[in-house]
Structures are given as structure tokens and as C-alpha cells.
Amino acid sequence: MTGWRIGPVPGWGLRRTHEGELALPLQISSGGQHRAIAELELTPVEAEHLHAALCYALDGRHPPVGAPECRQPVRYPGGRQRY
């Protein structure tokens, strides 16, 4: 038996709530079976902290195929390239 898994819901994206928070739908499964969909709600400050933590964690790694545009290499004046 496999453990619990939490991941993105295919076809569903991040949305703003009426209160200005960000809601990310997540699919919860256990043993390969879908169990529930729940939303992770973050304030803009919480979202910024998560964004910064992910940026630090991904720094220096080449983006995988299909990664969002913001993860693609950026060329700076002088020829330097950063990921």
C-alpha cells in the first residue's frame, strides 16, 4: 500500500479569493485512490515567503522541460546567464 500524496489538481489553477488571498487546489490521494480536493489558502505575504523559499531551493538548478517562463535562463548584460 502506498502512503498519502498531495499534489496539484490537473486542469485547476491558482485563484484569488474574494478576501484577496491566493487559493491553490490540491488533490489528496491514498493507496492510489483519490480521496479529496482541498485548497491551500495563502495571504499575499505567505505566498511571497513560499515563493522566496522555492526560489532559494531551485537556485542553480537547470529548469526541467515544460517549466514556466520565469524558470527559463535569463541573459544579463555582459553575457552572464542565470537560472
PDB file of N, CA and C in Angstrom:
ATOM      1  N   MET A   1       0.842  -1.187   0.000  1.00  0.00           N
ATOM      2  CA  MET A   1       0.000   0.000   0.000  1.00  0.00           C
ATOM      3  C   MET A   1       0.884   1.247   0.000  1.00  0.00           C
ATOM      4  N   THR A   2       0.535   2.227  -0.797  1.00  0.00           N
ATOM      5  CA  THR A   2       1.293   3.472  -0.838  1.00  0.00           C
ATOM      6  C   THR A   2       0.730   4.447   0.185  1.00  0.00           C
ATOM      7  N   GLY A   3       1.536   5.435   0.544  1.00  0.00           N
ATOM      8  CA  GLY A   3       1.119   6.424   1.531  1.00  0.00           C
ATOM      9  C   GLY A   3       0.251   7.506   0.930  1.00  0.00           C
ATOM     10  N   TRP A   4       0.009   8.482   1.725  1.00  0.00           N
ATOM     11  CA  TRP A   4      -0.782   9.640   1.302  1.00  0.00           C
ATOM     12  C   TRP A   4       0.036  10.505   0.368  1.00  0.00           C
ATOM     13  N   ARG A   5      -0.637  11.093  -0.623  1.00  0.00           N
ATOM     14  CA  ARG A   5       0.016  12.013  -1.559  1.00  0.00           C
ATOM     15  C   ARG A   5      -0.844  13.256  -1.706  1.00  0.00           C
ATOM     16  N   ILE A   6      -0.184  14.381  -1.810  1.00  0.00           N
ATOM     17  CA  ILE A   6      -0.868  15.656  -2.052  1.00  0.00           C
ATOM     18  C   ILE A   6      -0.188  16.284  -3.256  1.00  0.00           C
ATOM     19  N   GLY A   7      -0.986  16.701  -4.243  1.00  0.00           N
ATOM     20  CA  GLY A   7      -0.410  17.286  -5.450  1.00  0.00           C
ATOM     21  C   GLY A   7      -1.404  18.174  -6.158  1.00  0.00           C
ATOM     22  N   PRO A   8      -0.969  18.800  -7.236  1.00  0.00           N
ATOM     23  CA  PRO A   8      -1.852  19.696  -7.982  1.00  0.00           C
ATOM     24  C   PRO A   8      -3.034  18.950  -8.595  1.00  0.00           C
ATOM     25  N   VAL A   9      -4.103  19.664  -8.806  1.00  0.00           N
ATOM     26  CA  VAL A   9      -5.288  19.099  -9.453  1.00  0.00           C
ATOM     27  C   VAL A   9      -5.176  19.412 -10.944  1.00  0.00           C
ATOM     28  N   PRO A  10      -5.093  18.392 -11.802  1.00  0.00           N
ATOM     29  CA  PRO A  10      -4.973  18.648 -13.241  1.00  0.00           C
ATOM     30  C   PRO A  10      -6.105  19.535 -13.754  1.00  0.00           C
ATOM     31  N   GLY A  11      -5.714  20.570 -14.496  1.00  0.00           N
ATOM     32  CA  GLY A  11      -6.696  21.463 -15.100  1.00  0.00           C
ATOM     33  C   GLY A  11      -7.204  22.568 -14.182  1.00  0.00           C
ATOM     34  N   TRP A  12      -6.815  22.547 -12.912  1.00  0.00           N
ATOM     35  CA  TRP A  12      -7.243  23.597 -11.984  1.00  0.00           C
ATOM     36  C   TRP A  12      -6.028  24.460 -11.677  1.00  0.00           C
ATOM     37  N   GLY A  13      -6.214  25.740 -11.594  1.00  0.00           N
ATOM     38  CA  GLY A  13      -5.098  26.633 -11.322  1.00  0.00           C
ATOM     39  C   GLY A  13      -5.297  27.462 -10.076  1.00  0.00           C
ATOM     40  N   LEU A  14      -4.294  28.210  -9.770  1.00  0.00           N
ATOM     41  CA  LEU A  14      -4.312  29.134  -8.647  1.00  0.00           C
ATOM     42  C   LEU A  14      -5.365  30.204  -8.899  1.00  0.00           C
ATOM     43  N   ARG A  15      -6.069  30.598  -7.843  1.00  0.00           N
ATOM     44  CA  ARG A  15      -7.072  31.660  -7.999  1.00  0.00           C
ATOM     45  C   ARG A  15      -7.016  32.598  -6.803  1.00  0.00           C
ATOM     46  N   ARG A  16      -7.558  33.775  -7.000  1.00  0.00           N
ATOM     47  CA  ARG A  16      -7.681  34.743  -5.892  1.00  0.00           C
ATOM     48  C   ARG A  16      -9.046  34.587  -5.249  1.00  0.00           C
ATOM     49  N   THR A  17      -9.065  34.674  -3.925  1.00  0.00           N
ATOM     50  CA  THR A  17     -10.333  34.634  -3.205  1.00  0.00           C
ATOM     51  C   THR A  17     -10.897  36.046  -3.125  1.00  0.00           C
ATOM     52  N   HIS A  18     -12.136  36.161  -2.669  1.00  0.00           N
ATOM     53  CA  HIS A  18     -12.750  37.486  -2.517  1.00  0.00           C
ATOM     54  C   HIS A  18     -12.028  38.316  -1.466  1.00  0.00           C
ATOM     55  N   GLU A  19     -11.353  37.644  -0.533  1.00  0.00           N
ATOM     56  CA  GLU A  19     -10.623  38.348   0.519  1.00  0.00           C
ATOM     57  C   GLU A  19      -9.212  38.742   0.092  1.00  0.00           C
ATOM     58  N   GLY A  20      -8.845  38.428  -1.159  1.00  0.00           N
ATOM     59  CA  GLY A  20      -7.533  38.802  -1.667  1.00  0.00           C
ATOM     60  C   GLY A  20      -6.449  37.766  -1.408  1.00  0.00           C
ATOM     61  N   GLU A  21      -6.822  36.620  -0.844  1.00  0.00           N
ATOM     62  CA  GLU A  21      -5.849  35.564  -0.635  1.00  0.00           C
ATOM     63  C   GLU A  21      -5.699  34.756  -1.918  1.00  0.00           C
ATOM     64  N   LEU A  22      -4.690  33.899  -1.946  1.00  0.00           N
ATOM     65  CA  LEU A  22      -4.459  33.017  -3.080  1.00  0.00           C
ATOM     66  C   LEU A  22      -4.869  31.611  -2.668  1.00  0.00           C
ATOM     67  N   ALA A  23      -5.620  30.927  -3.514  1.00  0.00           N
ATOM     68  CA  ALA A  23      -6.095  29.577  -3.217  1.00  0.00           C
ATOM     69  C   ALA A  23      -5.555  28.615  -4.263  1.00  0.00           C
ATOM     70  N   LEU A  24      -4.828  27.607  -3.789  1.00  0.00           N
ATOM     71  CA  LEU A  24      -4.251  26.598  -4.666  1.00  0.00           C
ATOM     72  C   LEU A  24      -4.955  25.268  -4.411  1.00  0.00           C
ATOM     73  N   PRO A  25      -5.727  24.755  -5.395  1.00  0.00           N
ATOM     74  CA  PRO A  25      -6.397  23.471  -5.204  1.00  0.00           C
ATOM     75  C   PRO A  25      -5.389  22.326  -5.197  1.00  0.00           C
ATOM     76  N   LEU A  26      -5.546  21.439  -4.235  1.00  0.00           N
ATOM     77  CA  LEU A  26      -4.667  20.281  -4.104  1.00  0.00           C
ATOM     78  C   LEU A  26      -5.500  19.008  -4.039  1.00  0.00           C
ATOM     79  N   GLN A  27      -5.023  17.983  -4.709  1.00  0.00           N
ATOM     80  CA  GLN A  27      -5.689  16.690  -4.727  1.00  0.00           C
ATOM     81  C   GLN A  27      -5.021  15.789  -3.691  1.00  0.00           C
ATOM     82  N   ILE A  28      -5.819  15.157  -2.860  1.00  0.00           N
ATOM     83  CA  ILE A  28      -5.301  14.264  -1.826  1.00  0.00           C
ATOM     84  C   ILE A  28      -5.676  12.837  -2.209  1.00  0.00           C
ATOM     85  N   SER A  29      -4.671  11.942  -2.197  1.00  0.00           N
ATOM     86  CA  SER A  29      -4.932  10.545  -2.538  1.00  0.00           C
ATOM     87  C   SER A  29      -4.197   9.642  -1.556  1.00  0.00           C
ATOM     88  N   SER A  30      -4.685   8.431  -1.461  1.00  0.00           N
ATOM     89  CA  SER A  30      -4.085   7.421  -0.594  1.00  0.00           C
ATOM     90  C   SER A  30      -4.276   6.067  -1.252  1.00  0.00           C
ATOM     91  N   GLY A  31      -3.209   5.270  -1.269  1.00  0.00           N
ATOM     92  CA  GLY A  31      -3.299   3.957  -1.876  1.00  0.00           C
ATOM     93  C   GLY A  31      -3.675   4.001  -3.339  1.00  0.00           C
ATOM     94  N   GLY A  32      -3.298   5.102  -4.023  1.00  0.00           N
ATOM     95  CA  GLY A  32      -3.622   5.250  -5.433  1.00  0.00           C
ATOM     96  C   GLY A  32      -5.058   5.676  -5.704  1.00  0.00           C
ATOM     97  N   GLN A  33      -5.826   5.931  -4.663  1.00  0.00           N
ATOM     98  CA  GLN A  33      -7.232   6.338  -4.796  1.00  0.00           C
ATOM     99  C   GLN A  33      -7.396   7.809  -4.445  1.00  0.00           C
ATOM    100  N   HIS A  34      -8.162   8.515  -5.277  1.00  0.00           N
ATOM    101  CA  HIS A  34      -8.492   9.915  -4.984  1.00  0.00           C
ATOM    102  C   HIS A  34      -9.342   9.956  -3.717  1.00  0.00           C
ATOM    103  N   ARG A  35      -8.983  10.831  -2.777  1.00  0.00           N
ATOM    104  CA  ARG A  35      -9.730  10.940  -1.523  1.00  0.00           C
ATOM    105  C   ARG A  35     -10.461  12.271  -1.389  1.00  0.00           C
ATOM    106  N   ALA A  36      -9.799  13.358  -1.790  1.00  0.00           N
ATOM    107  CA  ALA A  36     -10.421  14.674  -1.606  1.00  0.00           C
ATOM    108  C   ALA A  36      -9.660  15.725  -2.388  1.00  0.00           C
ATOM    109  N   ILE A  37     -10.313  16.867  -2.539  1.00  0.00           N
ATOM    110  CA  ILE A  37      -9.663  18.074  -3.056  1.00  0.00           C
ATOM    111  C   ILE A  37      -9.800  19.129  -1.967  1.00  0.00           C
ATOM    112  N   ALA A  38      -8.688  19.763  -1.644  1.00  0.00           N
ATOM    113  CA  ALA A  38      -8.688  20.823  -0.642  1.00  0.00           C
ATOM    114  C   ALA A  38      -7.906  21.993  -1.214  1.00  0.00           C
ATOM    115  N   GLU A  39      -8.148  23.173  -0.690  1.00  0.00           N
ATOM    116  CA  GLU A  39      -7.423  24.356  -1.153  1.00  0.00           C
ATOM    117  C   GLU A  39      -6.461  24.841  -0.072  1.00  0.00           C
ATOM    118  N   LEU A  40      -5.249  25.122  -0.491  1.00  0.00           N
ATOM    119  CA  LEU A  40      -4.274  25.775   0.362  1.00  0.00           C
ATOM    120  C   LEU A  40      -4.469  27.268   0.155  1.00  0.00           C
ATOM    121  N   GLU A  41      -4.894  27.970   1.187  1.00  0.00           N
ATOM    122  CA  GLU A  41      -5.099  29.416   1.077  1.00  0.00           C
ATOM    123  C   GLU A  41      -3.932  30.138   1.727  1.00  0.00           C
ATOM    124  N   LEU A  42      -3.369  31.074   0.989  1.00  0.00           N
ATOM    125  CA  LEU A  42      -2.222  31.848   1.448  1.00  0.00           C
ATOM    126  C   LEU A  42      -2.512  33.332   1.326  1.00  0.00           C
ATOM    127  N   THR A  43      -2.085  34.092   2.330  1.00  0.00           N
ATOM    128  CA  THR A  43      -2.143  35.546   2.202  1.00  0.00           C
ATOM    129  C   THR A  43      -1.053  35.938   1.206  1.00  0.00           C
ATOM    130  N   PRO A  44      -1.100  37.151   0.677  1.00  0.00           N
ATOM    131  CA  PRO A  44      -0.016  37.571  -0.223  1.00  0.00           C
ATOM    132  C   PRO A  44       1.359  37.480   0.445  1.00  0.00           C
ATOM    133  N   VAL A  45       1.454  37.795   1.723  1.00  0.00           N
ATOM    134  CA  VAL A  45       2.747  37.710   2.427  1.00  0.00           C
ATOM    135  C   VAL A  45       3.199  36.254   2.526  1.00  0.00           C
ATOM    136  N   GLU A  46       2.282  35.345   2.868  1.00  0.00           N
ATOM    137  CA  GLU A  46       2.624  33.921   2.936  1.00  0.00           C
ATOM    138  C   GLU A  46       3.047  33.398   1.573  1.00  0.00           C
ATOM    139  N   ALA A  47       2.361  33.849   0.514  1.00  0.00           N
ATOM    140  CA  ALA A  47       2.714  33.426  -0.841  1.00  0.00           C
ATOM    141  C   ALA A  47       4.111  33.927  -1.211  1.00  0.00           C
ATOM    142  N   GLU A  48       4.453  35.157  -0.824  1.00  0.00           N
ATOM    143  CA  GLU A  48       5.791  35.695  -1.094  1.00  0.00           C
ATOM    144  C   GLU A  48       6.861  34.893  -0.366  1.00  0.00           C
ATOM    145  N   HIS A  49       6.592  34.492   0.876  1.00  0.00           N
ATOM    146  CA  HIS A  49       7.560  33.694   1.630  1.00  0.00           C
ATOM    147  C   HIS A  49       7.750  32.321   0.979  1.00  0.00           C
ATOM    148  N   LEU A  50       6.664  31.710   0.538  1.00  0.00           N
ATOM    149  CA  LEU A  50       6.754  30.427  -0.149  1.00  0.00           C
ATOM    150  C   LEU A  50       7.513  30.580  -1.464  1.00  0.00           C
ATOM    151  N   HIS A  51       7.217  31.634  -2.202  1.00  0.00           N
ATOM    152  CA  HIS A  51       7.899  31.905  -3.473  1.00  0.00           C
ATOM    153  C   HIS A  51       9.400  32.057  -3.242  1.00  0.00           C
ATOM    154  N   ALA A  52       9.772  32.832  -2.232  1.00  0.00           N
ATOM    155  CA  ALA A  52      11.195  33.036  -1.933  1.00  0.00           C
ATOM    156  C   ALA A  52      11.862  31.718  -1.546  1.00  0.00           C
ATOM    157  N   ALA A  53      11.191  30.911  -0.722  1.00  0.00           N
ATOM    158  CA  ALA A  53      11.760  29.628  -0.304  1.00  0.00           C
ATOM    159  C   ALA A  53      11.977  28.714  -1.503  1.00  0.00           C
ATOM    160  N   LEU A  54      11.012  28.700  -2.433  1.00  0.00           N
ATOM    161  CA  LEU A  54      11.158  27.870  -3.630  1.00  0.00           C
ATOM    162  C   LEU A  54      12.275  28.397  -4.531  1.00  0.00           C
ATOM    163  N   CYS A  55      12.394  29.712  -4.651  1.00  0.00           N
ATOM    164  CA  CYS A  55      13.475  30.293  -5.467  1.00  0.00           C
ATOM    165  C   CYS A  55      14.835  29.875  -4.920  1.00  0.00           C
ATOM    166  N   TYR A  56      15.007  29.967  -3.595  1.00  0.00           N
ATOM    167  CA  TYR A  56      16.277  29.558  -2.992  1.00  0.00           C
ATOM    168  C   TYR A  56      16.528  28.074  -3.191  1.00  0.00           C
ATOM    169  N   ALA A  57      15.495  27.260  -3.056  1.00  0.00           N
ATOM    170  CA  ALA A  57      15.647  25.817  -3.204  1.00  0.00           C
ATOM    171  C   ALA A  57      15.993  25.429  -4.645  1.00  0.00           C
ATOM    172  N   LEU A  58      15.482  26.173  -5.626  1.00  0.00           N
ATOM    173  CA  LEU A  58      15.707  25.851  -7.039  1.00  0.00           C
ATOM    174  C   LEU A  58      16.920  26.556  -7.633  1.00  0.00           C
ATOM    175  N   ASP A  59      17.519  27.480  -6.899  1.00  0.00           N
ATOM    176  CA  ASP A  59      18.628  28.268  -7.429  1.00  0.00           C
ATOM    177  C   ASP A  59      19.772  27.362  -7.877  1.00  0.00           C
ATOM    178  N   GLY A  60      20.264  27.640  -9.072  1.00  0.00           N
ATOM    179  CA  GLY A  60      21.395  26.897  -9.607  1.00  0.00           C
ATOM    180  C   GLY A  60      21.025  25.614 -10.318  1.00  0.00           C
ATOM    181  N   ARG A  61      19.781  25.238 -10.299  1.00  0.00           N
ATOM    182  CA  ARG A  61      19.350  24.016 -10.982  1.00  0.00           C
ATOM    183  C   ARG A  61      18.771  24.383 -12.340  1.00  0.00           C
ATOM    184  N   HIS A  62      19.078  23.578 -13.331  1.00  0.00           N
ATOM    185  CA  HIS A  62      18.501  23.803 -14.655  1.00  0.00           C
ATOM    186  C   HIS A  62      17.021  23.468 -14.619  1.00  0.00           C
ATOM    187  N   PRO A  63      16.188  24.300 -15.242  1.00  0.00           N
ATOM    188  CA  PRO A  63      14.753  24.015 -15.239  1.00  0.00           C
ATOM    189  C   PRO A  63      14.422  22.800 -16.091  1.00  0.00           C
ATOM    190  N   PRO A  64      13.450  22.011 -15.663  1.00  0.00           N
ATOM    191  CA  PRO A  64      13.051  20.860 -16.462  1.00  0.00           C
ATOM    192  C   PRO A  64      12.253  21.299 -17.688  1.00  0.00           C
ATOM    193  N   VAL A  65      12.127  20.407 -18.638  1.00  0.00           N
ATOM    194  CA  VAL A  65      11.314  20.678 -19.826  1.00  0.00           C
ATOM    195  C   VAL A  65       9.888  20.991 -19.365  1.00  0.00           C
ATOM    196  N   GLY A  66       9.298  22.023 -19.927  1.00  0.00           N
ATOM    197  CA  GLY A  66       7.929  22.389 -19.574  1.00  0.00           C
ATOM    198  C   GLY A  66       7.835  23.311 -18.374  1.00  0.00           C
ATOM    199  N   ALA A  67       8.974  23.736 -17.835  1.00  0.00           N
ATOM    200  CA  ALA A  67       8.945  24.653 -16.687  1.00  0.00           C
ATOM    201  C   ALA A  67       8.394  26.006 -17.130  1.00  0.00           C
ATOM    202  N   PRO A  68       7.790  26.758 -16.212  1.00  0.00           N
ATOM    203  CA  PRO A  68       7.246  28.065 -16.572  1.00  0.00           C
ATOM    204  C   PRO A  68       8.328  29.021 -17.080  1.00  0.00           C
ATOM    205  N   GLU A  69       7.884  30.031 -17.787  1.00  0.00           N
ATOM    206  CA  GLU A  69       8.800  31.016 -18.380  1.00  0.00           C
ATOM    207  C   GLU A  69       9.725  31.644 -17.337  1.00  0.00           C
ATOM    208  N   CYS A  70       9.227  31.879 -16.133  1.00  0.00           N
ATOM    209  CA  CYS A  70      10.045  32.537 -15.107  1.00  0.00           C
ATOM    210  C   CYS A  70      11.228  31.672 -14.676  1.00  0.00           C
ATOM    211  N   ARG A  71      11.237  30.379 -15.025  1.00  0.00           N
ATOM    212  CA  ARG A  71      12.352  29.484 -14.692  1.00  0.00           C
ATOM    213  C   ARG A  71      13.328  29.325 -15.846  1.00  0.00           C
ATOM    214  N   GLN A  72      13.056  29.957 -16.977  1.00  0.00           N
ATOM    215  CA  GLN A  72      13.947  29.835 -18.125  1.00  0.00           C
ATOM    216  C   GLN A  72      15.164  30.733 -17.904  1.00  0.00           C
ATOM    217  N   PRO A  73      16.285  30.388 -18.518  1.00  0.00           N
ATOM    218  CA  PRO A  73      17.507  31.179 -18.343  1.00  0.00           C
ATOM    219  C   PRO A  73      17.303  32.644 -18.748  1.00  0.00           C
ATOM    220  N   VAL A  74      17.957  33.514 -18.018  1.00  0.00           N
ATOM    221  CA  VAL A  74      17.921  34.941 -18.299  1.00  0.00           C
ATOM    222  C   VAL A  74      19.344  35.376 -18.611  1.00  0.00           C
ATOM    223  N   ARG A  75      19.509  36.083 -19.725  1.00  0.00           N
ATOM    224  CA  ARG A  75      20.835  36.601 -20.075  1.00  0.00           C
ATOM    225  C   ARG A  75      20.937  38.045 -19.619  1.00  0.00           C
ATOM    226  N   TYR A  76      21.976  38.299 -18.843  1.00  0.00           N
ATOM    227  CA  TYR A  76      22.222  39.646 -18.331  1.00  0.00           C
ATOM    228  C   TYR A  76      23.257  40.343 -19.193  1.00  0.00           C
ATOM    229  N   PRO A  77      23.262  41.679 -19.174  1.00  0.00           N
ATOM    230  CA  PRO A  77      24.298  42.404 -19.925  1.00  0.00           C
ATOM    231  C   PRO A  77      25.683  41.896 -19.514  1.00  0.00           C
ATOM    232  N   GLY A  78      26.545  41.710 -20.487  1.00  0.00           N
ATOM    233  CA  GLY A  78      27.880  41.189 -20.214  1.00  0.00           C
ATOM    234  C   GLY A  78      27.957  39.700 -20.499  1.00  0.00           C
ATOM    235  N   GLY A  79      26.855  39.103 -20.942  1.00  0.00           N
ATOM    236  CA  GLY A  79      26.884  37.714 -21.355  1.00  0.00           C
ATOM    237  C   GLY A  79      26.649  36.695 -20.263  1.00  0.00           C
ATOM    238  N   ARG A  80      26.461  37.122 -19.032  1.00  0.00           N
ATOM    239  CA  ARG A  80      26.247  36.183 -17.936  1.00  0.00           C
ATOM    240  C   ARG A  80      24.842  35.585 -18.004  1.00  0.00           C
ATOM    241  N   GLN A  81      24.738  34.328 -17.686  1.00  0.00           N
ATOM    242  CA  GLN A  81      23.438  33.648 -17.728  1.00  0.00           C
ATOM    243  C   GLN A  81      23.138  33.085 -16.346  1.00  0.00           C
ATOM    244  N   ARG A  82      21.891  33.288 -15.887  1.00  0.00           N
ATOM    245  CA  ARG A  82      21.478  32.743 -14.586  1.00  0.00           C
ATOM    246  C   ARG A  82      20.215  31.943 -14.748  1.00  0.00           C
ATOM    247  N   TYR A  83      20.072  30.928 -13.901  1.00  0.00           N
ATOM    248  CA  TYR A  83      18.851  30.134 -13.845  1.00  0.00           C
ATOM    249  C   TYR A  83      18.104  30.482 -12.583  1.00  0.00           C
TER     250      TYR A  83
END
